Amino acid sequence: MPRRRSKGTDPLLTTMHWRVTVRRYWLAQRQACARCGAAIDYDTGRYLPGTRKVNPRSLAVGHIVGRDQAKRLGWPDAEINALSNTQPEHARCSDRSGAAYGHAKRRRARAPLRTSRNW
């Protein structure tokens, strides 16, 4: 099976504003996950110690209104990534919510099934 090409990293999430302002803000707040309410592991880091496996309880800064939805609503880039539109999440919770949104978006995009008869 051929490997899928990576879409790359969203350039809006690699800016100095994002890394310095938004991510550091949530690191300093040390709040619980906005999705599930459990404690976030702020001390270990992105990867589990001694491995290259992502720590599922590490901090992932999520968007309250998702980037895709905000772009469709016509929000400017500065408003999409504003501190007021972000929340602290577990890496696992963030991945699950993004996957659920992607699956729902693909389901909506599918054409309706056509049959030979109108029931």
N, C-alpha and C. Protein backbone atom coordinates (compact mmCIF):
# COMPACT_ATOMS: atom_id res chain seq x y z
N MET A 1 0.85 -1.17 0.00
CA MET A 1 0.00 0.00 0.00
C MET A 1 0.89 1.24 0.00
N PRO A 2 0.67 2.17 -0.91
CA PRO A 2 1.51 3.38 -0.95
C PRO A 2 1.25 4.26 0.26
N ARG A 3 2.31 4.93 0.69
CA ARG A 3 2.18 5.83 1.83
C ARG A 3 1.50 7.11 1.40
N ARG A 4 0.66 7.62 2.30
CA ARG A 4 0.01 8.90 2.02
C ARG A 4 1.00 10.01 2.22
N ARG A 5 0.92 11.00 1.36
CA ARG A 5 1.80 12.15 1.51
C ARG A 5 1.30 13.02 2.64
N SER A 6 2.22 13.51 3.41
CA SER A 6 1.88 14.39 4.52
C SER A 6 1.40 15.73 3.99
N LYS A 7 0.38 16.27 4.64
CA LYS A 7 -0.11 17.59 4.26
C LYS A 7 0.78 18.69 4.84
N GLY A 8 1.72 18.30 5.67
CA GLY A 8 2.61 19.30 6.25
C GLY A 8 2.00 19.94 7.48
N THR A 9 2.72 20.84 8.04
CA THR A 9 2.28 21.54 9.24
C THR A 9 1.59 22.84 8.84
N ASP A 10 0.53 23.16 9.55
CA ASP A 10 -0.17 24.41 9.30
C ASP A 10 0.77 25.56 9.67
N PRO A 11 1.08 26.45 8.73
CA PRO A 11 2.02 27.54 9.04
C PRO A 11 1.53 28.46 10.15
N LEU A 12 0.23 28.52 10.37
CA LEU A 12 -0.28 29.37 11.44
C LEU A 12 0.09 28.85 12.82
N LEU A 13 0.35 27.53 12.92
CA LEU A 13 0.65 26.95 14.22
C LEU A 13 2.14 26.86 14.49
N THR A 14 2.98 27.34 13.57
CA THR A 14 4.43 27.32 13.79
C THR A 14 4.99 28.72 13.95
N THR A 15 4.15 29.72 14.05
CA THR A 15 4.63 31.09 14.21
C THR A 15 5.14 31.31 15.63
N MET A 16 5.96 32.32 15.79
CA MET A 16 6.47 32.66 17.11
C MET A 16 5.32 33.06 18.04
N HIS A 17 4.29 33.72 17.50
CA HIS A 17 3.15 34.11 18.33
C HIS A 17 2.53 32.88 18.96
N TRP A 18 2.35 31.83 18.16
CA TRP A 18 1.70 30.62 18.67
C TRP A 18 2.57 29.96 19.74
N ARG A 19 3.85 29.78 19.44
CA ARG A 19 4.73 29.07 20.37
C ARG A 19 4.99 29.88 21.64
N VAL A 20 5.22 31.17 21.49
CA VAL A 20 5.61 31.98 22.64
C VAL A 20 4.40 32.42 23.45
N THR A 21 3.40 32.94 22.79
CA THR A 21 2.28 33.52 23.52
C THR A 21 1.24 32.48 23.93
N VAL A 22 0.67 31.79 22.98
CA VAL A 22 -0.47 30.91 23.25
C VAL A 22 -0.04 29.68 24.04
N ARG A 23 0.94 28.95 23.55
CA ARG A 23 1.35 27.72 24.22
C ARG A 23 1.90 28.00 25.62
N ARG A 24 2.73 29.01 25.77
CA ARG A 24 3.28 29.34 27.09
C ARG A 24 2.19 29.79 28.06
N TYR A 25 1.17 30.47 27.54
CA TYR A 25 0.06 30.90 28.40
C TYR A 25 -0.59 29.68 29.05
N TRP A 26 -0.93 28.67 28.22
CA TRP A 26 -1.60 27.49 28.77
C TRP A 26 -0.67 26.66 29.64
N LEU A 27 0.63 26.65 29.35
CA LEU A 27 1.58 25.95 30.22
C LEU A 27 1.60 26.60 31.60
N ALA A 28 1.51 27.92 31.65
CA ALA A 28 1.53 28.62 32.93
C ALA A 28 0.22 28.45 33.70
N GLN A 29 -0.90 28.31 33.00
CA GLN A 29 -2.20 28.18 33.66
C GLN A 29 -2.39 26.84 34.36
N ARG A 30 -1.84 25.78 33.76
CA ARG A 30 -1.90 24.42 34.32
C ARG A 30 -3.33 24.00 34.66
N GLN A 31 -4.24 24.20 33.73
CA GLN A 31 -5.63 23.82 33.92
C GLN A 31 -5.86 22.38 33.47
N ALA A 32 -7.02 21.86 33.81
CA ALA A 32 -7.41 20.51 33.39
C ALA A 32 -7.83 20.54 31.91
N CYS A 33 -7.95 19.36 31.33
CA CYS A 33 -8.36 19.22 29.92
C CYS A 33 -9.77 19.78 29.74
N ALA A 34 -9.94 20.63 28.74
CA ALA A 34 -11.24 21.24 28.49
C ALA A 34 -12.23 20.24 27.90
N ARG A 35 -11.75 19.14 27.34
CA ARG A 35 -12.64 18.15 26.73
C ARG A 35 -13.12 17.11 27.72
N CYS A 36 -12.20 16.53 28.52
CA CYS A 36 -12.61 15.44 29.42
C CYS A 36 -12.56 15.83 30.90
N GLY A 37 -11.88 16.91 31.24
CA GLY A 37 -11.82 17.38 32.63
C GLY A 37 -10.73 16.77 33.48
N ALA A 38 -9.96 15.81 32.94
CA ALA A 38 -8.89 15.16 33.70
C ALA A 38 -7.63 16.05 33.70
N ALA A 39 -6.73 15.75 34.62
CA ALA A 39 -5.50 16.52 34.74
C ALA A 39 -4.59 16.29 33.54
N ILE A 40 -3.90 17.34 33.11
CA ILE A 40 -2.94 17.27 32.01
C ILE A 40 -1.55 17.10 32.62
N ASP A 41 -0.72 16.26 31.98
CA ASP A 41 0.65 16.03 32.43
C ASP A 41 1.54 17.14 31.85
N TYR A 42 1.73 18.21 32.63
CA TYR A 42 2.51 19.36 32.17
C TYR A 42 4.02 19.14 32.35
N ASP A 43 4.41 18.19 33.17
CA ASP A 43 5.82 18.04 33.53
C ASP A 43 6.61 17.12 32.62
N THR A 44 6.00 16.10 32.05
CA THR A 44 6.73 15.11 31.27
C THR A 44 7.11 15.60 29.90
N GLY A 45 6.25 16.29 29.21
CA GLY A 45 6.54 16.75 27.86
C GLY A 45 5.74 15.99 26.82
N ARG A 46 6.02 16.27 25.57
CA ARG A 46 5.25 15.72 24.45
C ARG A 46 5.41 14.21 24.32
N TYR A 47 6.63 13.71 24.54
CA TYR A 47 6.89 12.28 24.37
C TYR A 47 7.12 11.61 25.72
N LEU A 48 6.76 10.33 25.81
CA LEU A 48 7.02 9.56 27.02
C LEU A 48 8.53 9.42 27.20
N PRO A 49 9.02 9.45 28.42
CA PRO A 49 10.47 9.39 28.65
C PRO A 49 11.11 8.14 28.06
N GLY A 50 12.18 8.34 27.32
CA GLY A 50 12.93 7.24 26.74
C GLY A 50 12.33 6.63 25.49
N THR A 51 11.25 7.20 24.98
CA THR A 51 10.59 6.66 23.79
C THR A 51 10.28 7.79 22.82
N ARG A 52 9.81 7.42 21.64
CA ARG A 52 9.30 8.40 20.69
C ARG A 52 7.78 8.30 20.58
N LYS A 53 7.17 7.72 21.61
CA LYS A 53 5.71 7.62 21.66
C LYS A 53 5.14 8.89 22.28
N VAL A 54 4.09 9.40 21.68
CA VAL A 54 3.46 10.61 22.19
C VAL A 54 2.79 10.32 23.52
N ASN A 55 3.02 11.19 24.48
CA ASN A 55 2.38 11.08 25.79
C ASN A 55 0.92 11.49 25.61
N PRO A 56 -0.04 10.57 25.77
CA PRO A 56 -1.45 10.90 25.53
C PRO A 56 -2.01 11.94 26.50
N ARG A 57 -1.34 12.14 27.63
CA ARG A 57 -1.81 13.12 28.61
C ARG A 57 -1.06 14.45 28.52
N SER A 58 -0.21 14.62 27.51
CA SER A 58 0.54 15.87 27.37
C SER A 58 -0.37 16.99 26.88
N LEU A 59 0.11 18.22 27.01
CA LEU A 59 -0.66 19.39 26.60
C LEU A 59 -0.72 19.52 25.09
N ALA A 60 -1.92 19.69 24.58
CA ALA A 60 -2.15 20.08 23.20
C ALA A 60 -3.09 21.28 23.26
N VAL A 61 -2.71 22.36 22.64
CA VAL A 61 -3.57 23.55 22.66
C VAL A 61 -4.58 23.40 21.53
N GLY A 62 -5.84 23.27 21.90
CA GLY A 62 -6.90 23.07 20.92
C GLY A 62 -7.66 24.35 20.66
N HIS A 63 -8.45 24.33 19.61
CA HIS A 63 -9.28 25.47 19.26
C HIS A 63 -10.71 25.21 19.71
N ILE A 64 -11.35 26.23 20.24
CA ILE A 64 -12.75 26.11 20.63
C ILE A 64 -13.61 26.01 19.37
N VAL A 65 -13.44 26.94 18.46
CA VAL A 65 -14.03 26.85 17.12
C VAL A 65 -12.91 26.38 16.22
N GLY A 66 -13.05 25.20 15.64
CA GLY A 66 -11.98 24.59 14.84
C GLY A 66 -11.51 25.48 13.70
N ARG A 67 -10.25 25.26 13.29
CA ARG A 67 -9.67 26.10 12.23
C ARG A 67 -10.46 25.99 10.93
N ASP A 68 -10.85 24.78 10.56
CA ASP A 68 -11.58 24.59 9.30
C ASP A 68 -12.93 25.31 9.34
N GLN A 69 -13.64 25.13 10.44
CA GLN A 69 -14.94 25.77 10.58
C GLN A 69 -14.80 27.30 10.61
N ALA A 70 -13.80 27.80 11.32
CA ALA A 70 -13.60 29.25 11.40
C ALA A 70 -13.25 29.83 10.03
N LYS A 71 -12.46 29.10 9.24
CA LYS A 71 -12.14 29.58 7.89
C LYS A 71 -13.38 29.65 7.02
N ARG A 72 -14.26 28.64 7.15
CA ARG A 72 -15.51 28.66 6.38
C ARG A 72 -16.43 29.79 6.83
N LEU A 73 -16.32 30.19 8.10
CA LEU A 73 -17.12 31.30 8.61
C LEU A 73 -16.54 32.66 8.25
N GLY A 74 -15.32 32.64 7.64
CA GLY A 74 -14.72 33.89 7.20
C GLY A 74 -13.88 34.59 8.25
N TRP A 75 -13.46 33.88 9.29
CA TRP A 75 -12.64 34.50 10.33
C TRP A 75 -11.26 34.80 9.77
N PRO A 76 -10.65 35.92 10.15
CA PRO A 76 -9.25 36.17 9.76
C PRO A 76 -8.32 35.27 10.57
N ASP A 77 -7.11 35.05 10.05
CA ASP A 77 -6.15 34.16 10.71
C ASP A 77 -5.86 34.57 12.15
N ALA A 78 -5.78 35.86 12.39
CA ALA A 78 -5.47 36.34 13.75
C ALA A 78 -6.58 35.96 14.72
N GLU A 79 -7.82 35.95 14.28
CA GLU A 79 -8.93 35.60 15.15
C GLU A 79 -9.02 34.09 15.38
N ILE A 80 -8.65 33.31 14.36
CA ILE A 80 -8.69 31.85 14.48
C ILE A 80 -7.73 31.39 15.56
N ASN A 81 -6.53 31.94 15.59
CA ASN A 81 -5.51 31.52 16.55
C ASN A 81 -5.39 32.45 17.74
N ALA A 82 -6.40 33.28 17.97
CA ALA A 82 -6.37 34.17 19.13
C ALA A 82 -6.45 33.35 20.42
N LEU A 83 -5.88 33.89 21.46
CA LEU A 83 -5.87 33.21 22.75
C LEU A 83 -7.29 32.90 23.22
N SER A 84 -8.23 33.77 22.91
CA SER A 84 -9.62 33.57 23.33
C SER A 84 -10.30 32.41 22.61
N ASN A 85 -9.72 31.90 21.53
CA ASN A 85 -10.29 30.78 20.80
C ASN A 85 -9.50 29.49 21.04
N THR A 86 -8.69 29.44 22.10
CA THR A 86 -7.92 28.24 22.40
C THR A 86 -8.28 27.70 23.77
N GLN A 87 -7.95 26.43 23.98
CA GLN A 87 -8.21 25.78 25.25
C GLN A 87 -7.20 24.66 25.46
N PRO A 88 -6.88 24.33 26.72
CA PRO A 88 -5.93 23.23 26.96
C PRO A 88 -6.63 21.89 26.81
N GLU A 89 -5.97 20.95 26.13
CA GLU A 89 -6.53 19.62 25.93
C GLU A 89 -5.42 18.59 26.06
N HIS A 90 -5.80 17.35 26.36
CA HIS A 90 -4.84 16.24 26.25
C HIS A 90 -4.53 16.03 24.78
N ALA A 91 -3.37 15.50 24.48
CA ALA A 91 -3.04 15.17 23.09
C ALA A 91 -4.05 14.16 22.55
N ARG A 92 -4.40 13.17 23.37
CA ARG A 92 -5.36 12.14 22.92
C ARG A 92 -6.75 12.75 22.67
N CYS A 93 -7.22 13.60 23.56
CA CYS A 93 -8.54 14.22 23.37
C CYS A 93 -8.55 15.10 22.13
N SER A 94 -7.47 15.82 21.90
CA SER A 94 -7.36 16.68 20.73
C SER A 94 -7.38 15.86 19.44
N ASP A 95 -6.63 14.75 19.43
CA ASP A 95 -6.61 13.88 18.25
C ASP A 95 -7.98 13.28 17.98
N ARG A 96 -8.66 12.84 19.04
CA ARG A 96 -9.98 12.24 18.87
C ARG A 96 -11.00 13.25 18.33
N SER A 97 -10.98 14.46 18.87
CA SER A 97 -11.96 15.45 18.41
C SER A 97 -11.69 15.85 16.96
N GLY A 98 -10.41 15.96 16.60
CA GLY A 98 -10.06 16.28 15.22
C GLY A 98 -10.46 15.16 14.27
N ALA A 99 -10.24 13.91 14.69
CA ALA A 99 -10.61 12.77 13.85
C ALA A 99 -12.13 12.69 13.70
N ALA A 100 -12.85 12.91 14.77
CA ALA A 100 -14.32 12.86 14.70
C ALA A 100 -14.84 13.94 13.76
N TYR A 101 -14.24 15.13 13.82
CA TYR A 101 -14.66 16.21 12.93
C TYR A 101 -14.36 15.85 11.48
N GLY A 102 -13.17 15.28 11.22
CA GLY A 102 -12.81 14.89 9.86
C GLY A 102 -13.72 13.83 9.29
N HIS A 103 -14.07 12.83 10.12
CA HIS A 103 -14.97 11.78 9.66
C HIS A 103 -16.35 12.34 9.34
N ALA A 104 -16.85 13.21 10.20
CA ALA A 104 -18.16 13.81 9.97
C ALA A 104 -18.15 14.67 8.71
N LYS A 105 -17.06 15.37 8.48
CA LYS A 105 -16.95 16.23 7.29
C LYS A 105 -16.95 15.37 6.02
N ARG A 106 -16.24 14.24 6.05
CA ARG A 106 -16.23 13.35 4.89
C ARG A 106 -17.61 12.74 4.65
N ARG A 107 -18.31 12.39 5.72
CA ARG A 107 -19.66 11.82 5.55
C ARG A 107 -20.60 12.84 4.91
N ARG A 108 -20.48 14.10 5.31
CA ARG A 108 -21.34 15.14 4.72
C ARG A 108 -21.01 15.37 3.26
N ALA A 109 -19.74 15.17 2.89
CA ALA A 109 -19.30 15.46 1.53
C ALA A 109 -19.68 14.36 0.54
N ARG A 110 -20.01 13.18 1.03
CA ARG A 110 -20.37 12.08 0.13
C ARG A 110 -21.67 12.39 -0.59
N ALA A 111 -21.69 12.00 -1.84
CA ALA A 111 -22.92 12.19 -2.62
C ALA A 111 -23.97 11.19 -2.15
N PRO A 112 -25.23 11.56 -2.20
CA PRO A 112 -26.27 10.62 -1.79
C PRO A 112 -26.31 9.42 -2.74
N LEU A 113 -26.67 8.28 -2.19
CA LEU A 113 -26.75 7.06 -2.98
C LEU A 113 -27.92 7.16 -3.95
N ARG A 114 -27.65 6.92 -5.22
CA ARG A 114 -28.71 6.96 -6.22
C ARG A 114 -29.17 5.55 -6.52
N THR A 115 -30.43 5.37 -6.59
CA THR A 115 -31.00 4.08 -6.93
C THR A 115 -31.76 4.20 -8.23
N SER A 116 -32.13 3.09 -8.78
CA SER A 116 -32.85 3.11 -10.05
C SER A 116 -34.32 3.45 -9.86
N ARG A 117 -34.78 3.41 -8.64
CA ARG A 117 -36.19 3.68 -8.38
C ARG A 117 -36.34 4.78 -7.33
N ASN A 118 -37.37 5.51 -7.46
CA ASN A 118 -37.73 6.47 -6.42
C ASN A 118 -38.71 5.77 -5.49
N TRP A 119 -38.36 5.58 -4.26
CA TRP A 119 -39.20 4.84 -3.34
C TRP A 119 -40.28 5.70 -2.85
